[in-house]
C-alpha atoms as a PDB file:
ATOM      1  CA  MET A   1     -30.664  -9.342  42.588  1.00  0.00           C
ATOM      2  CA  LYS A   2     -27.235  -8.116  41.616  1.00  0.00           C
ATOM      3  CA  VAL A   3     -24.476 -10.753  41.917  1.00  0.00           C
ATOM      4  CA  ILE A   4     -21.586  -8.756  40.563  1.00  0.00           C
ATOM      5  CA  THR A   5     -21.252  -4.971  40.453  1.00  0.00           C
ATOM      6  CA  VAL A   6     -18.317  -3.280  38.499  1.00  0.00           C
ATOM      7  CA  GLU A   7     -17.665   0.302  39.427  1.00  0.00           C
ATOM      8  CA  ASP A   8     -15.302   2.561  37.417  1.00  0.00           C
ATOM      9  CA  LEU A   9     -12.857  -0.335  36.834  1.00  0.00           C
ATOM     10  CA  SER A  10      -9.532   0.396  35.280  1.00  0.00           C
ATOM     11  CA  PHE A  11      -6.432  -1.908  35.012  1.00  0.00           C
ATOM     12  CA  ARG A  12      -3.057  -1.831  33.328  1.00  0.00           C
ATOM     13  CA  TYR A  13      -0.692  -4.682  33.376  1.00  0.00           C
ATOM     14  CA  ARG A  14       2.780  -4.205  34.692  1.00  0.00           C
ATOM     15  CA  ARG A  15       5.225  -2.666  32.164  1.00  0.00           C
ATOM     16  CA  ALA A  16       2.239  -2.143  29.775  1.00  0.00           C
ATOM     17  CA  VAL A  17       1.955   1.198  28.109  1.00  0.00           C
ATOM     18  CA  ASN A  18      -1.878   1.224  27.667  1.00  0.00           C
ATOM     19  CA  TYR A  19      -4.866   0.390  30.125  1.00  0.00           C
ATOM     20  CA  SER A  20      -6.575  -2.929  29.307  1.00  0.00           C
ATOM     21  CA  LEU A  21      -9.646  -1.719  31.001  1.00  0.00           C
ATOM     22  CA  ARG A  22     -10.855   1.935  31.293  1.00  0.00           C
ATOM     23  CA  ASP A  23     -13.607   3.185  33.406  1.00  0.00           C
ATOM     24  CA  VAL A  24     -15.818   0.035  33.131  1.00  0.00           C
ATOM     25  CA  SER A  25     -19.113  -0.038  35.084  1.00  0.00           C
ATOM     26  CA  PHE A  26     -21.995  -2.518  34.776  1.00  0.00           C
ATOM     27  CA  GLU A  27     -23.938  -5.093  36.840  1.00  0.00           C
ATOM     28  CA  VAL A  28     -24.754  -8.669  36.444  1.00  0.00           C
ATOM     29  CA  LYS A  29     -28.196  -9.873  37.713  1.00  0.00           C
ATOM     30  CA  LYS A  30     -28.742 -13.225  39.252  1.00  0.00           C
ATOM     31  CA  GLY A  31     -29.830 -15.953  36.702  1.00  0.00           C
ATOM     32  CA  GLU A  32     -28.994 -13.821  33.589  1.00  0.00           C
ATOM     33  CA  LEU A  33     -26.766 -14.660  30.709  1.00  0.00           C
ATOM     34  CA  LEU A  34     -24.537 -11.803  29.971  1.00  0.00           C
ATOM     35  CA  GLY A  35     -22.663 -11.859  26.657  1.00  0.00           C
ATOM     36  CA  ILE A  36     -19.491 -10.090  26.085  1.00  0.00           C
ATOM     37  CA  LEU A  37     -18.329  -9.258  22.568  1.00  0.00           C
ATOM     38  CA  GLY A  38     -15.547  -7.320  21.060  1.00  0.00           C
ATOM     39  CA  PRO A  39     -12.396  -7.701  18.996  1.00  0.00           C
ATOM     40  CA  SER A  40      -9.052  -9.243  20.181  1.00  0.00           C
ATOM     41  CA  GLY A  41      -7.356  -6.965  22.649  1.00  0.00           C
ATOM     42  CA  SER A  42     -10.571  -5.188  23.795  1.00  0.00           C
ATOM     43  CA  GLY A  43     -10.169  -6.246  27.341  1.00  0.00           C
ATOM     44  CA  LYS A  44     -12.690  -9.169  27.491  1.00  0.00           C
ATOM     45  CA  SER A  45     -10.356 -11.684  28.996  1.00  0.00           C
ATOM     46  CA  THR A  46      -8.809  -9.154  31.344  1.00  0.00           C
ATOM     47  CA  LEU A  47     -12.267  -8.232  32.654  1.00  0.00           C
ATOM     48  CA  CYS A  48     -13.102 -11.937  33.316  1.00  0.00           C
ATOM     49  CA  LEU A  49     -10.050 -12.186  35.516  1.00  0.00           C
ATOM     50  CA  THR A  50     -11.355  -9.466  37.771  1.00  0.00           C
ATOM     51  CA  PHE A  51     -14.500 -11.317  38.622  1.00  0.00           C
ATOM     52  CA  ASN A  52     -13.058 -13.800  41.074  1.00  0.00           C
ATOM     53  CA  GLY A  53      -9.977 -11.684  42.088  1.00  0.00           C
ATOM     54  CA  ILE A  54      -7.172 -13.226  40.029  1.00  0.00           C
ATOM     55  CA  ILE A  55      -6.780  -9.534  39.120  1.00  0.00           C
ATOM     56  CA  PRO A  56      -5.500  -7.841  41.411  1.00  0.00           C
ATOM     57  CA  HIS A  57      -4.396 -10.741  43.722  1.00  0.00           C
ATOM     58  CA  SER A  58      -2.452 -12.963  41.361  1.00  0.00           C
ATOM     59  CA  ILE A  59      -1.885 -10.630  38.398  1.00  0.00           C
ATOM     60  CA  LYS A  60      -0.508  -7.342  39.495  1.00  0.00           C
ATOM     61  CA  GLY A  61      -0.843  -3.965  37.803  1.00  0.00           C
ATOM     62  CA  ASP A  62      -2.445  -0.592  38.241  1.00  0.00           C
ATOM     63  CA  PHE A  63      -5.873  -1.339  39.543  1.00  0.00           C
ATOM     64  CA  SER A  64      -8.493   1.182  40.376  1.00  0.00           C
ATOM     65  CA  GLY A  65     -12.250   0.869  40.849  1.00  0.00           C
ATOM     66  CA  ASP A  66     -14.248  -1.815  42.512  1.00  0.00           C
ATOM     67  CA  VAL A  67     -15.687  -5.275  41.659  1.00  0.00           C
ATOM     68  CA  ILE A  68     -18.240  -6.262  44.245  1.00  0.00           C
ATOM     69  CA  VAL A  69     -19.269  -9.927  44.334  1.00  0.00           C
ATOM     70  CA  ARG A  70     -22.460 -10.764  46.205  1.00  0.00           C
ATOM     71  CA  ASP A  71     -23.361 -14.228  47.504  1.00  0.00           C
ATOM     72  CA  PRO A  72     -27.110 -14.859  46.855  1.00  0.00           C
ATOM     73  CA  LYS A  73     -27.150 -17.457  49.551  1.00  0.00           C
ATOM     74  CA  THR A  74     -26.071 -15.227  52.388  1.00  0.00           C
ATOM     75  CA  GLY A  75     -26.563 -11.652  50.869  1.00  0.00           C
ATOM     76  CA  GLU A  76     -23.006 -10.868  51.923  1.00  0.00           C
ATOM     77  CA  GLU A  77     -21.015  -8.617  49.635  1.00  0.00           C
ATOM     78  CA  TYR A  78     -17.220  -8.969  48.957  1.00  0.00           C
ATOM     79  CA  ASN A  79     -14.944  -6.490  47.385  1.00  0.00           C
ATOM     80  CA  THR A  80     -12.408  -8.414  45.181  1.00  0.00           C
ATOM     81  CA  LYS A  81      -9.580  -6.174  46.311  1.00  0.00           C
ATOM     82  CA  GLU A  82     -10.026  -7.300  49.830  1.00  0.00           C
ATOM     83  CA  THR A  83     -11.209 -10.727  49.563  1.00  0.00           C
ATOM     84  CA  PRO A  84      -9.046 -13.923  48.785  1.00  0.00           C
ATOM     85  CA  VAL A  85      -9.362 -15.718  45.507  1.00  0.00           C
ATOM     86  CA  ALA A  86     -10.087 -18.952  47.373  1.00  0.00           C
ATOM     87  CA  LYS A  87     -13.129 -17.322  48.948  1.00  0.00           C
ATOM     88  CA  LEU A  88     -14.299 -15.660  45.634  1.00  0.00           C
ATOM     89  CA  SER A  89     -13.889 -18.864  43.756  1.00  0.00           C
ATOM     90  CA  THR A  90     -16.584 -20.526  45.698  1.00  0.00           C
ATOM     91  CA  ILE A  91     -19.003 -17.897  44.324  1.00  0.00           C
ATOM     92  CA  VAL A  92     -17.477 -17.126  40.894  1.00  0.00           C
ATOM     93  CA  GLY A  93     -16.239 -20.114  38.854  1.00  0.00           C
ATOM     94  CA  LEU A  94     -14.012 -19.190  35.835  1.00  0.00           C
ATOM     95  CA  VAL A  95     -13.292 -21.444  32.730  1.00  0.00           C
ATOM     96  CA  LEU A  96     -10.550 -20.371  30.354  1.00  0.00           C
ATOM     97  CA  GLN A  97     -10.573 -20.853  26.655  1.00  0.00           C
ATOM     98  CA  ASN A  98      -7.791 -23.539  26.582  1.00  0.00           C
ATOM     99  CA  PRO A  99      -9.095 -26.460  28.753  1.00  0.00           C
ATOM    100  CA  GLU A 100      -5.747 -28.097  28.780  1.00  0.00           C
ATOM    101  CA  SER A 101      -4.413 -25.242  30.907  1.00  0.00           C
ATOM    102  CA  GLN A 102      -6.912 -26.168  33.568  1.00  0.00           C
ATOM    103  CA  LEU A 103      -6.605 -30.071  33.478  1.00  0.00           C
ATOM    104  CA  PHE A 104      -3.753 -31.709  35.342  1.00  0.00           C
ATOM    105  CA  ASN A 105      -5.103 -34.823  37.047  1.00  0.00           C
ATOM    106  CA  MET A 106      -4.704 -38.381  35.946  1.00  0.00           C
ATOM    107  CA  THR A 107      -8.503 -39.189  35.646  1.00  0.00           C
ATOM    108  CA  VAL A 108     -11.627 -37.393  34.870  1.00  0.00           C
ATOM    109  CA  GLU A 109     -12.863 -38.215  38.328  1.00  0.00           C
ATOM    110  CA  ASP A 110      -9.791 -36.932  40.089  1.00  0.00           C
ATOM    111  CA  GLU A 111     -10.071 -33.758  38.067  1.00  0.00           C
ATOM    112  CA  ILE A 112     -13.562 -33.066  39.346  1.00  0.00           C
ATOM    113  CA  ALA A 113     -12.592 -34.070  42.831  1.00  0.00           C
ATOM    114  CA  PHE A 114      -9.641 -31.756  43.105  1.00  0.00           C
ATOM    115  CA  GLY A 115     -11.361 -28.513  43.816  1.00  0.00           C
ATOM    116  CA  LEU A 116     -13.936 -30.358  46.206  1.00  0.00           C
ATOM    117  CA  GLU A 117     -11.105 -31.698  48.209  1.00  0.00           C
ATOM    118  CA  ASN A 118      -9.647 -28.223  48.644  1.00  0.00           C
ATOM    119  CA  LEU A 119     -12.956 -27.131  49.937  1.00  0.00           C
ATOM    120  CA  GLY A 120     -12.705 -29.720  52.783  1.00  0.00           C
ATOM    121  CA  LEU A 121     -15.801 -31.563  51.933  1.00  0.00           C
ATOM    122  CA  ASP A 122     -16.370 -35.105  53.254  1.00  0.00           C
ATOM    123  CA  ARG A 123     -15.876 -38.104  50.925  1.00  0.00           C
ATOM    124  CA  ASN A 124     -19.745 -38.778  50.500  1.00  0.00           C
ATOM    125  CA  GLU A 125     -20.322 -35.192  49.559  1.00  0.00           C
ATOM    126  CA  ILE A 126     -17.464 -35.251  47.083  1.00  0.00           C
ATOM    127  CA  MET A 127     -18.695 -38.353  45.412  1.00  0.00           C
ATOM    128  CA  ARG A 128     -22.228 -37.044  45.215  1.00  0.00           C
ATOM    129  CA  ARG A 129     -21.008 -33.853  43.548  1.00  0.00           C
ATOM    130  CA  ILE A 130     -18.820 -35.854  41.135  1.00  0.00           C
ATOM    131  CA  MET A 131     -21.749 -38.072  39.976  1.00  0.00           C
ATOM    132  CA  TRP A 132     -23.834 -34.934  39.547  1.00  0.00           C
ATOM    133  CA  ALA A 133     -21.244 -32.948  37.540  1.00  0.00           C
ATOM    134  CA  LEU A 134     -20.511 -35.950  35.387  1.00  0.00           C
ATOM    135  CA  GLU A 135     -24.291 -36.295  34.644  1.00  0.00           C
ATOM    136  CA  VAL A 136     -24.894 -32.699  33.924  1.00  0.00           C
ATOM    137  CA  SER A 137     -21.929 -32.479  31.602  1.00  0.00           C
ATOM    138  CA  GLY A 138     -22.578 -35.627  29.728  1.00  0.00           C
ATOM    139  CA  LEU A 139     -19.339 -37.297  30.919  1.00  0.00           C
ATOM    140  CA  GLU A 140     -20.866 -40.378  32.647  1.00  0.00           C
ATOM    141  CA  GLY A 141     -18.868 -43.426  31.900  1.00  0.00           C
ATOM    142  CA  LEU A 142     -15.629 -41.590  31.432  1.00  0.00           C
ATOM    143  CA  GLU A 143     -14.730 -41.431  35.169  1.00  0.00           C
ATOM    144  CA  LYS A 144     -11.506 -43.275  34.780  1.00  0.00           C
ATOM    145  CA  GLU A 145     -10.464 -41.811  31.445  1.00  0.00           C
ATOM    146  CA  PHE A 146      -7.149 -39.959  31.163  1.00  0.00           C
ATOM    147  CA  PRO A 147      -8.209 -36.302  30.365  1.00  0.00           C
ATOM    148  CA  PRO A 148      -5.573 -35.871  27.483  1.00  0.00           C
ATOM    149  CA  ASN A 149      -7.371 -38.747  25.673  1.00  0.00           C
ATOM    150  CA  LEU A 150     -10.787 -36.821  25.600  1.00  0.00           C
ATOM    151  CA  SER A 151     -11.921 -34.919  22.629  1.00  0.00           C
ATOM    152  CA  GLY A 152     -11.707 -31.202  22.478  1.00  0.00           C
ATOM    153  CA  GLY A 153     -15.334 -30.815  23.435  1.00  0.00           C
ATOM    154  CA  GLN A 154     -15.183 -33.337  26.177  1.00  0.00           C
ATOM    155  CA  LYS A 155     -12.085 -31.596  27.653  1.00  0.00           C
ATOM    156  CA  GLN A 156     -13.901 -28.339  27.793  1.00  0.00           C
ATOM    157  CA  ARG A 157     -17.020 -29.858  29.322  1.00  0.00           C
ATOM    158  CA  LEU A 158     -14.705 -31.541  31.966  1.00  0.00           C
ATOM    159  CA  ALA A 159     -13.153 -28.086  32.754  1.00  0.00           C
ATOM    160  CA  ILE A 160     -16.700 -26.807  33.173  1.00  0.00           C
ATOM    161  CA  ALA A 161     -17.751 -29.907  35.285  1.00  0.00           C
ATOM    162  CA  ALA A 162     -14.830 -29.382  37.580  1.00  0.00           C
ATOM    163  CA  ILE A 163     -16.012 -25.831  38.299  1.00  0.00           C
ATOM    164  CA  LEU A 164     -19.739 -26.672  38.417  1.00  0.00           C
ATOM    165  CA  ALA A 165     -19.036 -29.394  41.234  1.00  0.00           C
ATOM    166  CA  MET A 166     -17.922 -26.465  43.511  1.00  0.00           C
ATOM    167  CA  LYS A 167     -21.420 -25.103  43.093  1.00  0.00           C
ATOM    168  CA  PRO A 168     -20.552 -21.546  42.146  1.00  0.00           C
ATOM    169  CA  GLU A 169     -23.348 -19.015  41.831  1.00  0.00           C
ATOM    170  CA  VAL A 170     -21.737 -17.435  38.610  1.00  0.00           C
ATOM    171  CA  LEU A 171     -20.112 -19.269  35.935  1.00  0.00           C
ATOM    172  CA  VAL A 172     -17.734 -17.112  33.831  1.00  0.00           C
ATOM    173  CA  LEU A 173     -16.590 -18.628  30.416  1.00  0.00           C
ATOM    174  CA  ASP A 174     -13.842 -16.972  28.419  1.00  0.00           C
ATOM    175  CA  GLU A 175     -14.241 -18.041  24.783  1.00  0.00           C
ATOM    176  CA  PRO A 176     -14.859 -21.698  25.830  1.00  0.00           C
ATOM    177  CA  THR A 177     -15.351 -22.790  22.126  1.00  0.00           C
ATOM    178  CA  SER A 178     -12.441 -20.920  20.384  1.00  0.00           C
ATOM    179  CA  GLN A 179     -10.271 -24.009  19.983  1.00  0.00           C
ATOM    180  CA  LEU A 180     -13.102 -26.489  19.191  1.00  0.00           C
ATOM    181  CA  ASP A 181     -14.427 -27.980  15.945  1.00  0.00           C
ATOM    182  CA  PRO A 182     -18.182 -27.514  15.246  1.00  0.00           C
ATOM    183  CA  VAL A 183     -19.107 -30.752  16.938  1.00  0.00           C
ATOM    184  CA  GLY A 184     -17.217 -29.657  20.205  1.00  0.00           C
ATOM    185  CA  ARG A 185     -18.567 -26.192  19.985  1.00  0.00           C
ATOM    186  CA  GLU A 186     -22.182 -27.503  19.875  1.00  0.00           C
ATOM    187  CA  GLU A 187     -21.372 -29.798  22.882  1.00  0.00           C
ATOM    188  CA  VAL A 188     -20.243 -27.040  24.986  1.00  0.00           C
ATOM    189  CA  LEU A 189     -22.966 -24.523  23.999  1.00  0.00           C
ATOM    190  CA  GLY A 190     -25.594 -27.095  24.567  1.00  0.00           C
ATOM    191  CA  LEU A 191     -24.220 -27.723  28.103  1.00  0.00           C
ATOM    192  CA  ILE A 192     -24.306 -23.882  28.751  1.00  0.00           C
ATOM    193  CA  SER A 193     -27.940 -23.719  27.544  1.00  0.00           C
ATOM    194  CA  LEU A 194     -28.813 -26.707  29.770  1.00  0.00           C
ATOM    195  CA  LEU A 195     -27.281 -25.164  32.933  1.00  0.00           C
ATOM    196  CA  ARG A 196     -29.283 -22.091  32.354  1.00  0.00           C
ATOM    197  CA  LYS A 197     -32.615 -23.656  31.685  1.00  0.00           C
ATOM    198  CA  GLU A 198     -32.532 -26.390  34.230  1.00  0.00           C
ATOM    199  CA  HIS A 199     -30.221 -25.129  36.893  1.00  0.00           C
ATOM    200  CA  GLY A 200     -30.698 -21.265  36.718  1.00  0.00           C
ATOM    201  CA  ILE A 201     -26.904 -20.603  36.903  1.00  0.00           C
ATOM    202  CA  THR A 202     -25.777 -17.003  36.138  1.00  0.00           C
ATOM    203  CA  VAL A 203     -23.532 -17.088  33.120  1.00  0.00           C
ATOM    204  CA  ILE A 204     -20.937 -14.483  31.909  1.00  0.00           C
ATOM    205  CA  LEU A 205     -20.071 -15.630  28.383  1.00  0.00           C
ATOM    206  CA  VAL A 206     -17.260 -14.213  26.155  1.00  0.00           C
ATOM    207  CA  GLU A 207     -17.732 -16.046  22.857  1.00  0.00           C
ATOM    208  CA  HIS A 208     -16.617 -15.540  19.281  1.00  0.00           C
ATOM    209  CA  HIS A 209     -19.679 -17.384  18.084  1.00  0.00           C
ATOM    210  CA  THR A 210     -21.706 -14.279  17.991  1.00  0.00           C
ATOM    211  CA  GLY A 211     -24.910 -15.990  16.766  1.00  0.00           C
ATOM    212  CA  TYR A 212     -25.320 -17.879  20.033  1.00  0.00           C
ATOM    213  CA  ILE A 213     -24.943 -14.758  22.224  1.00  0.00           C
ATOM    214  CA  LEU A 214     -27.350 -12.784  20.117  1.00  0.00           C
ATOM    215  CA  ARG A 215     -29.963 -15.704  20.419  1.00  0.00           C
ATOM    216  CA  PHE A 216     -29.653 -16.562  23.940  1.00  0.00           C
ATOM    217  CA  ALA A 217     -28.179 -13.788  26.119  1.00  0.00           C
ATOM    218  CA  ASP A 218     -30.442 -11.612  28.197  1.00  0.00           C
ATOM    219  CA  ARG A 219     -28.049  -8.708  27.724  1.00  0.00           C
ATOM    220  CA  VAL A 220     -24.873  -8.050  25.722  1.00  0.00           C
ATOM    221  CA  ILE A 221     -21.799  -5.826  26.192  1.00  0.00           C
ATOM    222  CA  VAL A 222     -19.610  -4.895  23.447  1.00  0.00           C
ATOM    223  CA  MET A 223     -16.018  -3.771  24.330  1.00  0.00           C
ATOM    224  CA  ASP A 224     -13.344  -2.054  22.468  1.00  0.00           C
ATOM    225  CA  GLY A 225     -10.046  -0.481  23.692  1.00  0.00           C
ATOM    226  CA  GLY A 226     -10.946  -1.548  27.186  1.00  0.00           C
ATOM    227  CA  ARG A 227     -14.177   0.365  27.343  1.00  0.00           C
ATOM    228  CA  ILE A 228     -17.908  -0.579  26.969  1.00  0.00           C
ATOM    229  CA  ILE A 229     -18.958   0.650  23.611  1.00  0.00           C
ATOM    230  CA  LEU A 230     -22.522  -0.814  23.650  1.00  0.00           C
ATOM    231  CA  GLU A 231     -24.757  -2.330  26.189  1.00  0.00           C
ATOM    232  CA  GLY A 232     -28.237  -3.582  25.876  1.00  0.00           C
ATOM    233  CA  LYS A 233     -30.571  -6.492  24.928  1.00  0.00           C
ATOM    234  CA  PRO A 234     -29.475  -8.514  21.735  1.00  0.00           C
ATOM    235  CA  GLY A 235     -32.233  -6.919  19.656  1.00  0.00           C
ATOM    236  CA  GLU A 236     -30.952  -3.418  20.615  1.00  0.00           C
ATOM    237  CA  ILE A 237     -27.206  -4.351  19.888  1.00  0.00           C
ATOM    238  CA  VAL A 238     -27.828  -5.609  16.425  1.00  0.00           C
ATOM    239  CA  GLU A 239     -29.425  -2.385  15.496  1.00  0.00           C
ATOM    240  CA  GLU A 240     -25.977  -0.946  15.751  1.00  0.00           C
ATOM    241  CA  VAL A 241     -24.665  -3.156  12.812  1.00  0.00           C
ATOM    242  CA  GLU A 242     -22.240  -0.462  11.564  1.00  0.00           C
ATOM    243  CA  VAL A 243     -20.533  -0.155  14.894  1.00  0.00           C
ATOM    244  CA  LEU A 244     -20.230  -3.969  15.116  1.00  0.00           C
ATOM    245  CA  ARG A 245     -18.821  -4.096  11.570  1.00  0.00           C
ATOM    246  CA  ARG A 246     -16.244  -1.386  12.471  1.00  0.00           C
ATOM    247  CA  LEU A 247     -15.173  -3.430  15.431  1.00  0.00           C
ATOM    248  CA  GLY A 248     -14.850  -6.492  13.585  1.00  0.00           C
ATOM    249  CA  VAL A 249     -17.648  -8.311  15.342  1.00  0.00           C
ATOM    250  CA  LYS A 250     -18.942 -10.739  12.737  1.00  0.00           C
ATOM    251  CA  LEU A 251     -22.718 -11.173  12.493  1.00  0.00           C
ATOM    252  CA  PRO A 252     -24.411 -14.435  11.397  1.00  0.00           C
ATOM    253  CA  PRO A 253     -25.445 -14.309   7.688  1.00  0.00           C
ATOM    254  CA  SER A 254     -29.160 -14.562   8.704  1.00  0.00           C
ATOM    255  CA  LEU A 255     -28.695 -11.277  10.633  1.00  0.00           C
ATOM    256  CA  GLU A 256     -26.673  -9.548   7.853  1.00  0.00           C
ATOM    257  CA  ILE A 257     -29.307 -10.535   5.232  1.00  0.00           C
ATOM    258  CA  SER A 258     -32.255  -9.507   7.369  1.00  0.00           C
ATOM    259  CA  HIS A 259     -30.724  -6.255   8.401  1.00  0.00           C
ATOM    260  CA  GLU A 260     -30.509  -5.271   4.674  1.00  0.00           C
ATOM    261  CA  LEU A 261     -34.051  -6.437   4.074  1.00  0.00           C
ATOM    262  CA  LYS A 262     -35.217  -4.426   7.099  1.00  0.00           C
ATOM    263  CA  ARG A 263     -33.322  -1.374   5.958  1.00  0.00           C
ATOM    264  CA  ARG A 264     -35.081  -1.529   2.610  1.00  0.00           C
ATOM    265  CA  GLY A 265     -38.461  -1.960   4.386  1.00  0.00           C
ATOM    266  CA  LEU A 266     -39.161  -5.448   3.158  1.00  0.00           C
ATOM    267  CA  ILE A 267     -39.298  -6.971   6.512  1.00  0.00           C
ATOM    268  CA  LYS A 268     -40.245  -5.641   9.991  1.00  0.00           C
ATOM    269  CA  ARG A 269     -37.914  -7.537  12.308  1.00  0.00           C
ATOM    270  CA  LEU A 270     -34.500  -8.948  12.250  1.00  0.00           C
ATOM    271  CA  ALA A 271     -33.865 -12.743  11.910  1.00  0.00           C
ATOM    272  CA  PHE A 272     -31.500 -14.303  14.413  1.00  0.00           C
ATOM    273  CA  THR A 273     -31.655 -17.733  12.723  1.00  0.00           C
ATOM    274  CA  GLU A 274     -31.858 -19.126   9.153  1.00  0.00           C
ATOM    275  CA  GLU A 275     -35.432 -20.498  10.145  1.00  0.00           C
ATOM    276  CA  ASP A 276     -36.636 -17.038  11.177  1.00  0.00           C
ATOM    277  CA  LEU A 277     -35.094 -15.472   8.038  1.00  0.00           C
ATOM    278  CA  LEU A 278     -36.941 -17.966   5.776  1.00  0.00           C
ATOM    279  CA  SER A 279     -40.189 -17.355   7.597  1.00  0.00           C
ATOM    280  CA  GLU A 280     -39.806 -13.580   7.214  1.00  0.00           C
ATOM    281  CA  ILE A 281     -39.016 -13.974   3.426  1.00  0.00           C
ATOM    282  CA  LYS A 282     -41.965 -16.292   2.902  1.00  0.00           C
ATOM    283  CA  SER A 283     -44.325 -13.733   4.363  1.00  0.00           C
ATOM    284  CA  LEU A 284     -43.123 -10.985   1.823  1.00  0.00           C
END
């Protein structure tokens, strides 16, 4: 089942000379993890803002094409040009790369409750969802904590928890680990893996940590200049190593080494992890 369909989408910000998105078309299937890669300025963040209608409703510009969001629960389809952001946000939840731009309440509990109160839910349902979101995100025991006092990883997990509590069908994450140290990055990426494995949430992930996307994504889109340059399964994408290098998409060392070994005919398959690479080398 398709949950998002993008058709011939182009967008240019007001007063901008160039288009940030040019003739972009693709689909997102329910339950999949779609990874989006590309250099800075390639249109990744702009694309994320179109999924729940922030573009074109809140951020204006020259917009053409269509983004269709489908609610899997009801089967109803919504064109983002015609549907309010408030409605779309109940289906598509967006988490930005800087968690502090999304956190503004006095406690962790209040942060998660804010969106739920705006949905008009009763108090019992709000508390039930808060407890669930705290548990899923690993923030139990921090309900009364002041969000600025949290670590970077905890802040990002709180931003995700606040969106998850609203029970969206699709979770869009725009470089959620870009400002985190290795510990915080693993906390957030671990949460994303958990959400997919145990809750079947559809995830669209823009991530500079290429290794994670190539290991766990079902499908990958590579963008440059506002266009889709490559699209396919991770194994297909990494075969285009020269294109990725030209775009500045950094591959994990294990992939770089295994690609060279495969080119020389020494191994038969690419290694996405160091463990896989060692296994291939030992079999030589």
